[in-house]
Amino acid sequence: MTWDRQWGYRMLDDAPEVWISYERAFFETEHRRIANFIAAILPAHQNKTPDDPYIRTVMAQIGAVESTFHLLANLERTQA
């Protein structure tokens, strides 16, 4: 991954292992952030207002988001 004023962000043309490594690191970072948010913030809301339709929807959907980031961060390096 490189950046310059003329072209902005670009990936090296001949280094897919670099792209994959960068993407995996990004997904792992976001997975950790989302997992921490789920563990620390959302339960407090849910405990105060368990019947709130908003938090019920959030809790149902955010688990899928966390799972997706976890999956993307941990995909096997070689795909068919």
PDB file of N, CA and C in Angstrom:
ATOM      1  N   MET A   1       0.863  -1.160   0.000  1.00  0.00           N
ATOM      2  CA  MET A   1       0.000   0.000   0.000  1.00  0.00           C
ATOM      3  C   MET A   1       0.908   1.221   0.000  1.00  0.00           C
ATOM      4  N   THR A   2       0.689   2.082  -0.963  1.00  0.00           N
ATOM      5  CA  THR A   2       1.453   3.324  -1.010  1.00  0.00           C
ATOM      6  C   THR A   2       0.492   4.489  -1.175  1.00  0.00           C
ATOM      7  N   TRP A   3       0.978   5.672  -0.892  1.00  0.00           N
ATOM      8  CA  TRP A   3       0.173   6.881  -1.047  1.00  0.00           C
ATOM      9  C   TRP A   3       1.054   7.979  -1.595  1.00  0.00           C
ATOM     10  N   ASP A   4       0.509   8.735  -2.553  1.00  0.00           N
ATOM     11  CA  ASP A   4       1.170   9.962  -2.987  1.00  0.00           C
ATOM     12  C   ASP A   4       0.099  10.975  -3.377  1.00  0.00           C
ATOM     13  N   ARG A   5       0.494  12.232  -3.488  1.00  0.00           N
ATOM     14  CA  ARG A   5      -0.477  13.298  -3.750  1.00  0.00           C
ATOM     15  C   ARG A   5      -1.187  13.142  -5.081  1.00  0.00           C
ATOM     16  N   GLN A   6      -0.486  12.688  -6.070  1.00  0.00           N
ATOM     17  CA  GLN A   6      -1.081  12.582  -7.401  1.00  0.00           C
ATOM     18  C   GLN A   6      -2.094  11.445  -7.488  1.00  0.00           C
ATOM     19  N   TRP A   7      -1.775  10.277  -6.944  1.00  0.00           N
ATOM     20  CA  TRP A   7      -2.601   9.094  -7.143  1.00  0.00           C
ATOM     21  C   TRP A   7      -3.379   8.661  -5.902  1.00  0.00           C
ATOM     22  N   GLY A   8      -3.044   9.201  -4.749  1.00  0.00           N
ATOM     23  CA  GLY A   8      -3.705   8.755  -3.529  1.00  0.00           C
ATOM     24  C   GLY A   8      -3.219   7.373  -3.128  1.00  0.00           C
ATOM     25  N   TYR A   9      -4.090   6.573  -2.537  1.00  0.00           N
ATOM     26  CA  TYR A   9      -3.714   5.219  -2.123  1.00  0.00           C
ATOM     27  C   TYR A   9      -3.683   4.297  -3.328  1.00  0.00           C
ATOM     28  N   ARG A  10      -2.630   3.493  -3.385  1.00  0.00           N
ATOM     29  CA  ARG A  10      -2.501   2.485  -4.429  1.00  0.00           C
ATOM     30  C   ARG A  10      -1.873   1.237  -3.833  1.00  0.00           C
ATOM     31  N   MET A  11      -2.210   0.096  -4.410  1.00  0.00           N
ATOM     32  CA  MET A  11      -1.583  -1.151  -4.005  1.00  0.00           C
ATOM     33  C   MET A  11      -0.501  -1.504  -5.004  1.00  0.00           C
ATOM     34  N   LEU A  12       0.539  -2.118  -4.494  1.00  0.00           N
ATOM     35  CA  LEU A  12       1.601  -2.570  -5.374  1.00  0.00           C
ATOM     36  C   LEU A  12       1.030  -3.582  -6.361  1.00  0.00           C
ATOM     37  N   ASP A  13       1.333  -3.408  -7.623  1.00  0.00           N
ATOM     38  CA  ASP A  13       0.741  -4.249  -8.665  1.00  0.00           C
ATOM     39  C   ASP A  13       1.132  -5.718  -8.572  1.00  0.00           C
ATOM     40  N   ASP A  14       2.310  -5.995  -8.037  1.00  0.00           N
ATOM     41  CA  ASP A  14       2.824  -7.359  -8.087  1.00  0.00           C
ATOM     42  C   ASP A  14       2.953  -8.012  -6.711  1.00  0.00           C
ATOM     43  N   ALA A  15       2.173  -7.574  -5.740  1.00  0.00           N
ATOM     44  CA  ALA A  15       2.347  -8.110  -4.389  1.00  0.00           C
ATOM     45  C   ALA A  15       1.012  -8.414  -3.701  1.00  0.00           C
ATOM     46  N   PRO A  16       0.256  -9.391  -4.217  1.00  0.00           N
ATOM     47  CA  PRO A  16      -1.032  -9.698  -3.581  1.00  0.00           C
ATOM     48  C   PRO A  16      -0.888 -10.115  -2.123  1.00  0.00           C
ATOM     49  N   GLU A  17       0.254 -10.719  -1.742  1.00  0.00           N
ATOM     50  CA  GLU A  17       0.439 -11.092  -0.341  1.00  0.00           C
ATOM     51  C   GLU A  17       0.460  -9.855   0.556  1.00  0.00           C
ATOM     52  N   VAL A  18       0.924  -8.727   0.023  1.00  0.00           N
ATOM     53  CA  VAL A  18       0.923  -7.475   0.782  1.00  0.00           C
ATOM     54  C   VAL A  18      -0.506  -6.962   0.923  1.00  0.00           C
ATOM     55  N   TRP A  19      -1.284  -7.025  -0.129  1.00  0.00           N
ATOM     56  CA  TRP A  19      -2.682  -6.569  -0.059  1.00  0.00           C
ATOM     57  C   TRP A  19      -3.439  -7.382   0.982  1.00  0.00           C
ATOM     58  N   ILE A  20      -3.286  -8.706   0.895  1.00  0.00           N
ATOM     59  CA  ILE A  20      -4.014  -9.596   1.796  1.00  0.00           C
ATOM     60  C   ILE A  20      -3.596  -9.353   3.238  1.00  0.00           C
ATOM     61  N   SER A  21      -2.312  -9.189   3.465  1.00  0.00           N
ATOM     62  CA  SER A  21      -1.823  -8.925   4.815  1.00  0.00           C
ATOM     63  C   SER A  21      -2.409  -7.633   5.373  1.00  0.00           C
ATOM     64  N   TYR A  22      -2.429  -6.590   4.558  1.00  0.00           N
ATOM     65  CA  TYR A  22      -3.000  -5.312   4.981  1.00  0.00           C
ATOM     66  C   TYR A  22      -4.488  -5.456   5.298  1.00  0.00           C
ATOM     67  N   GLU A  23      -5.222  -6.127   4.423  1.00  0.00           N
ATOM     68  CA  GLU A  23      -6.666  -6.305   4.625  1.00  0.00           C
ATOM     69  C   GLU A  23      -6.945  -7.131   5.869  1.00  0.00           C
ATOM     70  N   ARG A  24      -6.192  -8.213   6.076  1.00  0.00           N
ATOM     71  CA  ARG A  24      -6.385  -9.039   7.257  1.00  0.00           C
ATOM     72  C   ARG A  24      -6.121  -8.239   8.532  1.00  0.00           C
ATOM     73  N   ALA A  25      -5.068  -7.436   8.524  1.00  0.00           N
ATOM     74  CA  ALA A  25      -4.761  -6.605   9.695  1.00  0.00           C
ATOM     75  C   ALA A  25      -5.891  -5.611   9.953  1.00  0.00           C
ATOM     76  N   PHE A  26      -6.434  -5.021   8.894  1.00  0.00           N
ATOM     77  CA  PHE A  26      -7.555  -4.093   9.040  1.00  0.00           C
ATOM     78  C   PHE A  26      -8.750  -4.794   9.675  1.00  0.00           C
ATOM     79  N   PHE A  27      -9.133  -5.953   9.141  1.00  0.00           N
ATOM     80  CA  PHE A  27     -10.295  -6.670   9.662  1.00  0.00           C
ATOM     81  C   PHE A  27     -10.065  -7.128  11.101  1.00  0.00           C
ATOM     82  N   GLU A  28      -8.844  -7.542  11.425  1.00  0.00           N
ATOM     83  CA  GLU A  28      -8.549  -7.947  12.803  1.00  0.00           C
ATOM     84  C   GLU A  28      -8.693  -6.758  13.752  1.00  0.00           C
ATOM     85  N   THR A  29      -8.201  -5.597  13.358  1.00  0.00           N
ATOM     86  CA  THR A  29      -8.332  -4.393  14.179  1.00  0.00           C
ATOM     87  C   THR A  29      -9.796  -4.034  14.381  1.00  0.00           C
ATOM     88  N   GLU A  30     -10.564  -4.032  13.309  1.00  0.00           N
ATOM     89  CA  GLU A  30     -11.981  -3.689  13.416  1.00  0.00           C
ATOM     90  C   GLU A  30     -12.742  -4.745  14.219  1.00  0.00           C
ATOM     91  N   HIS A  31     -12.358  -6.001  14.062  1.00  0.00           N
ATOM     92  CA  HIS A  31     -13.002  -7.058  14.847  1.00  0.00           C
ATOM     93  C   HIS A  31     -12.796  -6.799  16.336  1.00  0.00           C
ATOM     94  N   ARG A  32     -11.568  -6.449  16.735  1.00  0.00           N
ATOM     95  CA  ARG A  32     -11.302  -6.160  18.143  1.00  0.00           C
ATOM     96  C   ARG A  32     -12.109  -4.966  18.631  1.00  0.00           C
ATOM     97  N   ARG A  33     -12.178  -3.921  17.830  1.00  0.00           N
ATOM     98  CA  ARG A  33     -12.946  -2.731  18.215  1.00  0.00           C
ATOM     99  C   ARG A  33     -14.423  -3.066  18.392  1.00  0.00           C
ATOM    100  N   ILE A  34     -14.974  -3.819  17.455  1.00  0.00           N
ATOM    101  CA  ILE A  34     -16.389  -4.184  17.530  1.00  0.00           C
ATOM    102  C   ILE A  34     -16.640  -5.112  18.719  1.00  0.00           C
ATOM    103  N   ALA A  35     -15.756  -6.067  18.934  1.00  0.00           N
ATOM    104  CA  ALA A  35     -15.922  -6.985  20.067  1.00  0.00           C
ATOM    105  C   ALA A  35     -15.892  -6.217  21.386  1.00  0.00           C
ATOM    106  N   ASN A  36     -14.995  -5.262  21.509  1.00  0.00           N
ATOM    107  CA  ASN A  36     -14.935  -4.449  22.730  1.00  0.00           C
ATOM    108  C   ASN A  36     -16.198  -3.613  22.902  1.00  0.00           C
ATOM    109  N   PHE A  37     -16.696  -3.055  21.823  1.00  0.00           N
ATOM    110  CA  PHE A  37     -17.929  -2.271  21.866  1.00  0.00           C
ATOM    111  C   PHE A  37     -19.098  -3.143  22.304  1.00  0.00           C
ATOM    112  N   ILE A  38     -19.175  -4.338  21.739  1.00  0.00           N
ATOM    113  CA  ILE A  38     -20.251  -5.258  22.081  1.00  0.00           C
ATOM    114  C   ILE A  38     -20.165  -5.637  23.561  1.00  0.00           C
ATOM    115  N   ALA A  39     -18.972  -5.898  24.037  1.00  0.00           N
ATOM    116  CA  ALA A  39     -18.799  -6.355  25.413  1.00  0.00           C
ATOM    117  C   ALA A  39     -18.991  -5.242  26.440  1.00  0.00           C
ATOM    118  N   ALA A  40     -18.643  -4.008  26.089  1.00  0.00           N
ATOM    119  CA  ALA A  40     -18.628  -2.934  27.087  1.00  0.00           C
ATOM    120  C   ALA A  40     -19.811  -1.982  27.011  1.00  0.00           C
ATOM    121  N   ILE A  41     -20.257  -1.629  25.841  1.00  0.00           N
ATOM    122  CA  ILE A  41     -21.251  -0.562  25.690  1.00  0.00           C
ATOM    123  C   ILE A  41     -22.668  -1.110  25.541  1.00  0.00           C
ATOM    124  N   LEU A  42     -22.845  -2.003  24.620  1.00  0.00           N
ATOM    125  CA  LEU A  42     -24.198  -2.470  24.313  1.00  0.00           C
ATOM    126  C   LEU A  42     -24.905  -3.172  25.471  1.00  0.00           C
ATOM    127  N   PRO A  43     -24.212  -3.996  26.262  1.00  0.00           N
ATOM    128  CA  PRO A  43     -24.922  -4.644  27.374  1.00  0.00           C
ATOM    129  C   PRO A  43     -25.486  -3.652  28.402  1.00  0.00           C
ATOM    130  N   ALA A  44     -24.808  -2.541  28.613  1.00  0.00           N
ATOM    131  CA  ALA A  44     -25.321  -1.538  29.549  1.00  0.00           C
ATOM    132  C   ALA A  44     -26.660  -0.997  29.059  1.00  0.00           C
ATOM    133  N   HIS A  45     -26.749  -0.708  27.776  1.00  0.00           N
ATOM    134  CA  HIS A  45     -28.006  -0.242  27.190  1.00  0.00           C
ATOM    135  C   HIS A  45     -29.070  -1.337  27.306  1.00  0.00           C
ATOM    136  N   GLN A  46     -28.687  -2.533  26.935  1.00  0.00           N
ATOM    137  CA  GLN A  46     -29.633  -3.646  26.959  1.00  0.00           C
ATOM    138  C   GLN A  46     -30.130  -3.922  28.386  1.00  0.00           C
ATOM    139  N   ASN A  47     -29.256  -3.812  29.370  1.00  0.00           N
ATOM    140  CA  ASN A  47     -29.656  -4.061  30.760  1.00  0.00           C
ATOM    141  C   ASN A  47     -30.637  -3.003  31.266  1.00  0.00           C
ATOM    142  N   LYS A  48     -30.459  -1.764  30.843  1.00  0.00           N
ATOM    143  CA  LYS A  48     -31.354  -0.688  31.294  1.00  0.00           C
ATOM    144  C   LYS A  48     -32.713  -0.741  30.601  1.00  0.00           C
ATOM    145  N   THR A  49     -32.726  -1.101  29.324  1.00  0.00           N
ATOM    146  CA  THR A  49     -33.983  -1.106  28.560  1.00  0.00           C
ATOM    147  C   THR A  49     -34.070  -2.364  27.697  1.00  0.00           C
ATOM    148  N   PRO A  50     -34.240  -3.534  28.316  1.00  0.00           N
ATOM    149  CA  PRO A  50     -34.214  -4.788  27.555  1.00  0.00           C
ATOM    150  C   PRO A  50     -35.334  -4.928  26.524  1.00  0.00           C
ATOM    151  N   ASP A  51     -36.409  -4.197  26.697  1.00  0.00           N
ATOM    152  CA  ASP A  51     -37.518  -4.298  25.743  1.00  0.00           C
ATOM    153  C   ASP A  51     -37.462  -3.240  24.640  1.00  0.00           C
ATOM    154  N   ASP A  52     -36.428  -2.427  24.651  1.00  0.00           N
ATOM    155  CA  ASP A  52     -36.267  -1.384  23.633  1.00  0.00           C
ATOM    156  C   ASP A  52     -36.044  -2.047  22.268  1.00  0.00           C
ATOM    157  N   PRO A  53     -36.935  -1.789  21.302  1.00  0.00           N
ATOM    158  CA  PRO A  53     -36.782  -2.426  19.988  1.00  0.00           C
ATOM    159  C   PRO A  53     -35.461  -2.064  19.305  1.00  0.00           C
ATOM    160  N   TYR A  54     -34.962  -0.855  19.559  1.00  0.00           N
ATOM    161  CA  TYR A  54     -33.695  -0.428  18.940  1.00  0.00           C
ATOM    162  C   TYR A  54     -32.546  -1.332  19.406  1.00  0.00           C
ATOM    163  N   ILE A  55     -32.389  -1.481  20.723  1.00  0.00           N
ATOM    164  CA  ILE A  55     -31.258  -2.277  21.221  1.00  0.00           C
ATOM    165  C   ILE A  55     -31.434  -3.749  20.883  1.00  0.00           C
ATOM    166  N   ARG A  56     -32.655  -4.217  20.821  1.00  0.00           N
ATOM    167  CA  ARG A  56     -32.872  -5.610  20.421  1.00  0.00           C
ATOM    168  C   ARG A  56     -32.416  -5.831  18.983  1.00  0.00           C
ATOM    169  N   THR A  57     -32.727  -4.881  18.110  1.00  0.00           N
ATOM    170  CA  THR A  57     -32.284  -4.978  16.710  1.00  0.00           C
ATOM    171  C   THR A  57     -30.769  -4.867  16.616  1.00  0.00           C
ATOM    172  N   VAL A  58     -30.205  -3.907  17.346  1.00  0.00           N
ATOM    173  CA  VAL A  58     -28.747  -3.734  17.340  1.00  0.00           C
ATOM    174  C   VAL A  58     -28.057  -5.021  17.782  1.00  0.00           C
ATOM    175  N   MET A  59     -28.502  -5.594  18.877  1.00  0.00           N
ATOM    176  CA  MET A  59     -27.868  -6.811  19.389  1.00  0.00           C
ATOM    177  C   MET A  59     -27.977  -7.962  18.385  1.00  0.00           C
ATOM    178  N   ALA A  60     -29.104  -8.057  17.719  1.00  0.00           N
ATOM    179  CA  ALA A  60     -29.278  -9.118  16.726  1.00  0.00           C
ATOM    180  C   ALA A  60     -28.346  -8.920  15.533  1.00  0.00           C
ATOM    181  N   GLN A  61     -28.185  -7.690  15.094  1.00  0.00           N
ATOM    182  CA  GLN A  61     -27.395  -7.418  13.897  1.00  0.00           C
ATOM    183  C   GLN A  61     -25.902  -7.334  14.172  1.00  0.00           C
ATOM    184  N   ILE A  62     -25.517  -6.788  15.320  1.00  0.00           N
ATOM    185  CA  ILE A  62     -24.100  -6.550  15.575  1.00  0.00           C
ATOM    186  C   ILE A  62     -23.324  -7.854  15.722  1.00  0.00           C
ATOM    187  N   GLY A  63     -23.987  -8.891  16.189  1.00  0.00           N
ATOM    188  CA  GLY A  63     -23.328 -10.191  16.259  1.00  0.00           C
ATOM    189  C   GLY A  63     -22.913 -10.686  14.884  1.00  0.00           C
ATOM    190  N   ALA A  64     -23.749 -10.454  13.900  1.00  0.00           N
ATOM    191  CA  ALA A  64     -23.407 -10.843  12.528  1.00  0.00           C
ATOM    192  C   ALA A  64     -22.234 -10.028  12.003  1.00  0.00           C
ATOM    193  N   VAL A  65     -22.210  -8.750  12.339  1.00  0.00           N
ATOM    194  CA  VAL A  65     -21.095  -7.891  11.908  1.00  0.00           C
ATOM    195  C   VAL A  65     -19.795  -8.374  12.535  1.00  0.00           C
ATOM    196  N   GLU A  66     -19.826  -8.642  13.833  1.00  0.00           N
ATOM    197  CA  GLU A  66     -18.623  -9.126  14.511  1.00  0.00           C
ATOM    198  C   GLU A  66     -18.153 -10.436  13.888  1.00  0.00           C
ATOM    199  N   SER A  67     -19.070 -11.336  13.642  1.00  0.00           N
ATOM    200  CA  SER A  67     -18.704 -12.623  13.039  1.00  0.00           C
ATOM    201  C   SER A  67     -18.080 -12.451  11.664  1.00  0.00           C
ATOM    202  N   THR A  68     -18.617 -11.531  10.885  1.00  0.00           N
ATOM    203  CA  THR A  68     -18.073 -11.282   9.547  1.00  0.00           C
ATOM    204  C   THR A  68     -16.642 -10.772   9.614  1.00  0.00           C
ATOM    205  N   PHE A  69     -16.371  -9.784  10.484  1.00  0.00           N
ATOM    206  CA  PHE A  69     -15.007  -9.273  10.611  1.00  0.00           C
ATOM    207  C   PHE A  69     -14.061 -10.367  11.111  1.00  0.00           C
ATOM    208  N   HIS A  70     -14.527 -11.171  12.052  1.00  0.00           N
ATOM    209  CA  HIS A  70     -13.705 -12.269  12.554  1.00  0.00           C
ATOM    210  C   HIS A  70     -13.375 -13.244  11.427  1.00  0.00           C
ATOM    211  N   LEU A  71     -14.363 -13.584  10.634  1.00  0.00           N
ATOM    212  CA  LEU A  71     -14.157 -14.485   9.507  1.00  0.00           C
ATOM    213  C   LEU A  71     -13.159 -13.890   8.510  1.00  0.00           C
ATOM    214  N   LEU A  72     -13.341 -12.631   8.157  1.00  0.00           N
ATOM    215  CA  LEU A  72     -12.454 -11.992   7.182  1.00  0.00           C
ATOM    216  C   LEU A  72     -11.026 -11.883   7.701  1.00  0.00           C
ATOM    217  N   ALA A  73     -10.867 -11.663   8.988  1.00  0.00           N
ATOM    218  CA  ALA A  73      -9.527 -11.558   9.560  1.00  0.00           C
ATOM    219  C   ALA A  73      -8.822 -12.903   9.607  1.00  0.00           C
ATOM    220  N   ASN A  74      -9.591 -13.983   9.618  1.00  0.00           N
ATOM    221  CA  ASN A  74      -9.005 -15.304   9.816  1.00  0.00           C
ATOM    222  C   ASN A  74      -9.159 -16.259   8.641  1.00  0.00           C
ATOM    223  N   LEU A  75      -9.531 -15.744   7.478  1.00  0.00           N
ATOM    224  CA  LEU A  75      -9.617 -16.612   6.309  1.00  0.00           C
ATOM    225  C   LEU A  75      -8.277 -17.260   6.026  1.00  0.00           C
ATOM    226  N   GLU A  76      -8.336 -18.453   5.538  1.00  0.00           N
ATOM    227  CA  GLU A  76      -7.100 -19.143   5.162  1.00  0.00           C
ATOM    228  C   GLU A  76      -6.374 -18.312   4.094  1.00  0.00           C
ATOM    229  N   ARG A  77      -5.079 -18.350   4.153  1.00  0.00           N
ATOM    230  CA  ARG A  77      -4.285 -17.549   3.208  1.00  0.00           C
ATOM    231  C   ARG A  77      -4.408 -18.049   1.768  1.00  0.00           C
ATOM    232  N   THR A  78      -4.641 -19.305   1.604  1.00  0.00           N
ATOM    233  CA  THR A  78      -4.788 -19.824   0.243  1.00  0.00           C
ATOM    234  C   THR A  78      -6.243 -20.174  -0.002  1.00  0.00           C
ATOM    235  N   GLN A  79      -6.828 -19.557  -0.964  1.00  0.00           N
ATOM    236  CA  GLN A  79      -8.212 -19.816  -1.333  1.00  0.00           C
ATOM    237  C   GLN A  79      -8.221 -20.464  -2.704  1.00  0.00           C
ATOM    238  N   ALA A  80      -9.151 -21.368  -2.912  1.00  0.00           N
ATOM    239  CA  ALA A  80      -9.250 -22.065  -4.202  1.00  0.00           C
ATOM    240  C   ALA A  80      -9.796 -21.130  -5.256  1.00  0.00           C
TER     241      ALA A  80
END
